[in-house]
Amino acid sequence: MGRTFALFIIGLVFGGGIGFVLAAGNGITFDGHDHGDASQHDGMDHAKTHETPLEILAANAPEITLAVTPDPMTGYNLHLTTQNFTFAPEAASLADVAGEGHAHVYINGEKLARLYGPWMHLNALPVGDVEVQVTLNSNDHRALSVAGTPITATVQLSVPE
């Protein structure tokens, strides 16, 4: 029993060490996050996470169209079409650049994820009436807005059991 336990502990130490070395070698860091930082708000309520939206001129304002369709196997596929907007995942959480950023996806008002491209698979939606909303956001996570109106697209679904 004593030798088995010792070998178990040795395996944990070496396995953990190898895991950290592999993670570091692939650029993975183990940074924490600040709950008070508006850019670190995945999974939180939309109204509480964004401060002042980024007002942009209507002349070249981005436009979005949202479609959510059943996936042939399971879940749903979200497709966001944009005009005058470029997804810039490499610039997320950096300074704002006009016409680029990412999107935030909300299910029934709660943030699900960031969207860095036009397609996303939604594994499981709650049964019943579901609202899927997508907002366009600047690199620094502020919602894009024209004349006080956020640039959003919303789809209502009825998800069967």
Protein backbone atom coordinates (compact mmCIF):
# COMPACT_ATOMS: atom_id res chain seq x y z
CA MET A 1 0.00 0.00 0.00
CA GLY A 2 2.79 2.44 0.90
CA ARG A 3 4.67 1.84 -2.34
CA THR A 4 1.51 2.18 -4.44
CA PHE A 5 0.71 5.51 -2.82
CA ALA A 6 4.28 6.76 -3.32
CA LEU A 7 4.18 5.80 -7.01
CA PHE A 8 0.83 7.53 -7.35
CA ILE A 9 2.24 10.76 -5.87
CA ILE A 10 5.33 10.57 -8.10
CA GLY A 11 3.07 10.08 -11.14
CA LEU A 12 0.98 13.12 -10.18
CA VAL A 13 4.08 15.30 -9.78
CA PHE A 14 5.65 14.24 -13.08
CA GLY A 15 2.32 14.28 -14.94
CA GLY A 16 1.52 17.76 -13.67
CA GLY A 17 5.00 18.97 -14.58
CA ILE A 18 4.77 17.54 -18.09
CA GLY A 19 1.33 19.13 -18.50
CA PHE A 20 2.64 22.56 -17.51
CA VAL A 21 5.63 22.23 -19.86
CA LEU A 22 3.37 21.22 -22.77
CA ALA A 23 0.96 24.07 -22.03
CA ALA A 24 3.76 26.64 -21.81
CA GLY A 25 5.32 25.30 -25.01
CA ASN A 26 2.01 25.90 -26.82
CA GLY A 27 1.60 29.45 -25.54
CA ILE A 28 -1.11 28.64 -23.02
CA THR A 29 -1.03 30.83 -19.92
CA PHE A 30 -2.85 30.41 -16.65
CA ASP A 31 -3.87 34.02 -16.12
CA GLY A 32 -6.72 34.88 -13.84
CA HIS A 33 -9.33 37.47 -14.66
CA ASP A 34 -10.72 40.55 -12.97
CA HIS A 35 -14.46 40.38 -12.29
CA GLY A 36 -14.55 44.18 -12.24
CA ASP A 37 -13.09 44.45 -15.74
CA ALA A 38 -15.83 44.92 -18.36
CA SER A 39 -13.79 43.02 -20.94
CA GLN A 40 -13.76 39.90 -18.75
CA HIS A 41 -17.48 39.27 -18.54
CA ASP A 42 -18.32 36.01 -20.32
CA GLY A 43 -21.51 34.48 -19.02
CA MET A 44 -22.81 37.59 -17.26
CA ASP A 45 -25.99 39.57 -17.78
CA HIS A 46 -25.87 41.87 -20.83
CA ALA A 47 -27.22 44.96 -19.09
CA LYS A 48 -24.68 44.75 -16.27
CA THR A 49 -21.58 44.14 -18.36
CA HIS A 50 -21.43 47.01 -20.82
CA GLU A 51 -20.81 50.54 -19.90
CA THR A 52 -21.30 53.31 -22.43
CA PRO A 53 -21.80 51.95 -25.97
CA LEU A 54 -19.49 53.11 -28.73
CA GLU A 55 -21.45 55.61 -30.84
CA ILE A 56 -20.64 55.48 -34.54
CA LEU A 57 -21.86 57.52 -37.50
CA ALA A 58 -24.83 56.17 -39.45
CA ALA A 59 -23.14 56.79 -42.82
CA ASN A 60 -20.89 53.70 -42.71
CA ALA A 61 -22.48 51.88 -39.80
CA PRO A 62 -22.25 48.09 -39.82
CA GLU A 63 -25.38 46.09 -40.59
CA ILE A 64 -26.10 42.55 -39.46
CA THR A 65 -28.53 39.79 -40.37
CA LEU A 66 -29.00 36.76 -38.13
CA ALA A 67 -30.25 33.29 -39.05
CA VAL A 68 -30.57 30.35 -36.66
CA THR A 69 -31.42 26.99 -38.25
CA PRO A 70 -31.68 23.45 -36.88
CA ASP A 71 -28.52 21.39 -37.32
CA PRO A 72 -29.15 18.04 -39.07
CA MET A 73 -27.56 16.13 -36.16
CA THR A 74 -28.13 18.15 -33.00
CA GLY A 75 -28.59 21.71 -31.81
CA TYR A 76 -28.74 24.76 -34.04
CA ASN A 77 -26.44 26.65 -36.40
CA LEU A 78 -26.14 30.40 -36.02
CA HIS A 79 -25.12 32.40 -39.10
CA LEU A 80 -24.37 36.12 -38.88
CA THR A 81 -24.02 38.14 -42.07
CA THR A 82 -22.30 41.52 -41.71
CA GLN A 83 -21.77 44.56 -43.89
CA ASN A 84 -19.20 47.30 -43.16
CA PHE A 85 -17.71 45.15 -40.39
CA THR A 86 -14.67 42.88 -40.13
CA PHE A 87 -14.25 40.23 -37.44
CA ALA A 88 -10.88 40.79 -35.73
CA PRO A 89 -10.30 38.06 -33.11
CA GLU A 90 -6.61 38.94 -32.92
CA ALA A 91 -7.55 42.42 -31.66
CA ALA A 92 -10.08 41.38 -28.98
CA SER A 93 -9.61 43.39 -25.77
CA LEU A 94 -7.31 45.85 -27.56
CA ALA A 95 -8.00 49.43 -28.66
CA ASP A 96 -10.98 50.14 -30.86
CA VAL A 97 -10.46 50.27 -34.63
CA ALA A 98 -13.36 51.59 -36.69
CA GLY A 99 -15.24 48.88 -38.59
CA GLU A 100 -13.79 45.88 -36.77
CA GLY A 101 -14.40 43.87 -33.63
CA HIS A 102 -16.41 40.82 -32.68
CA ALA A 103 -19.95 39.92 -31.66
CA HIS A 104 -21.55 38.79 -28.41
CA VAL A 105 -24.17 36.03 -28.48
CA TYR A 106 -27.00 36.05 -25.94
CA ILE A 107 -29.57 33.36 -25.22
CA ASN A 108 -32.66 34.68 -23.42
CA GLY A 109 -30.71 37.77 -22.34
CA GLU A 110 -27.70 35.93 -20.90
CA LYS A 111 -24.34 36.08 -22.61
CA LEU A 112 -23.31 32.74 -24.08
CA ALA A 113 -20.08 33.57 -25.91
CA ARG A 114 -18.06 35.86 -28.11
CA LEU A 115 -18.37 35.32 -31.85
CA TYR A 116 -15.24 35.84 -33.97
CA GLY A 117 -16.66 34.80 -37.34
CA PRO A 118 -19.95 34.32 -39.13
CA TRP A 119 -20.83 30.78 -37.94
CA MET A 120 -21.43 29.21 -34.53
CA HIS A 121 -22.93 25.90 -33.45
CA LEU A 122 -25.35 26.10 -30.52
CA ASN A 123 -25.24 22.70 -28.82
CA ALA A 124 -28.29 22.86 -26.66
CA LEU A 125 -30.91 25.55 -26.35
CA PRO A 126 -33.51 25.54 -23.59
CA VAL A 127 -36.85 23.96 -24.45
CA GLY A 128 -39.64 26.41 -25.25
CA ASP A 129 -39.55 29.97 -26.54
CA VAL A 130 -35.95 31.14 -26.96
CA GLU A 131 -34.55 34.52 -27.94
CA VAL A 132 -31.15 34.49 -29.67
CA GLN A 133 -29.58 37.94 -29.87
CA VAL A 134 -26.25 39.02 -31.33
CA THR A 135 -24.63 42.40 -30.73
CA LEU A 136 -21.72 43.86 -32.66
CA ASN A 137 -18.94 44.98 -30.38
CA SER A 138 -15.75 46.97 -30.70
CA ASN A 139 -12.39 45.39 -29.93
CA ASP A 140 -12.67 46.76 -26.37
CA HIS A 141 -16.07 45.02 -25.99
CA ARG A 142 -18.30 48.10 -26.10
CA ALA A 143 -21.55 47.53 -27.98
CA LEU A 144 -21.64 49.43 -31.27
CA SER A 145 -24.48 51.92 -31.40
CA VAL A 146 -25.97 54.39 -33.90
CA ALA A 147 -27.91 57.34 -32.42
CA GLY A 148 -28.30 55.48 -29.14
CA THR A 149 -29.57 52.26 -30.73
CA PRO A 150 -27.29 49.21 -30.38
CA ILE A 151 -26.48 47.29 -33.57
CA THR A 152 -28.19 43.98 -32.85
CA ALA A 153 -30.04 41.18 -34.55
CA THR A 154 -32.57 38.97 -32.80
CA VAL A 155 -34.27 35.70 -33.71
CA GLN A 156 -37.14 34.08 -31.80
CA LEU A 157 -37.26 30.27 -31.79
CA SER A 158 -39.57 27.65 -30.40
CA VAL A 159 -37.36 24.75 -29.31
CA PRO A 160 -39.20 21.41 -29.05
CA GLU A 161 -38.58 18.86 -26.31
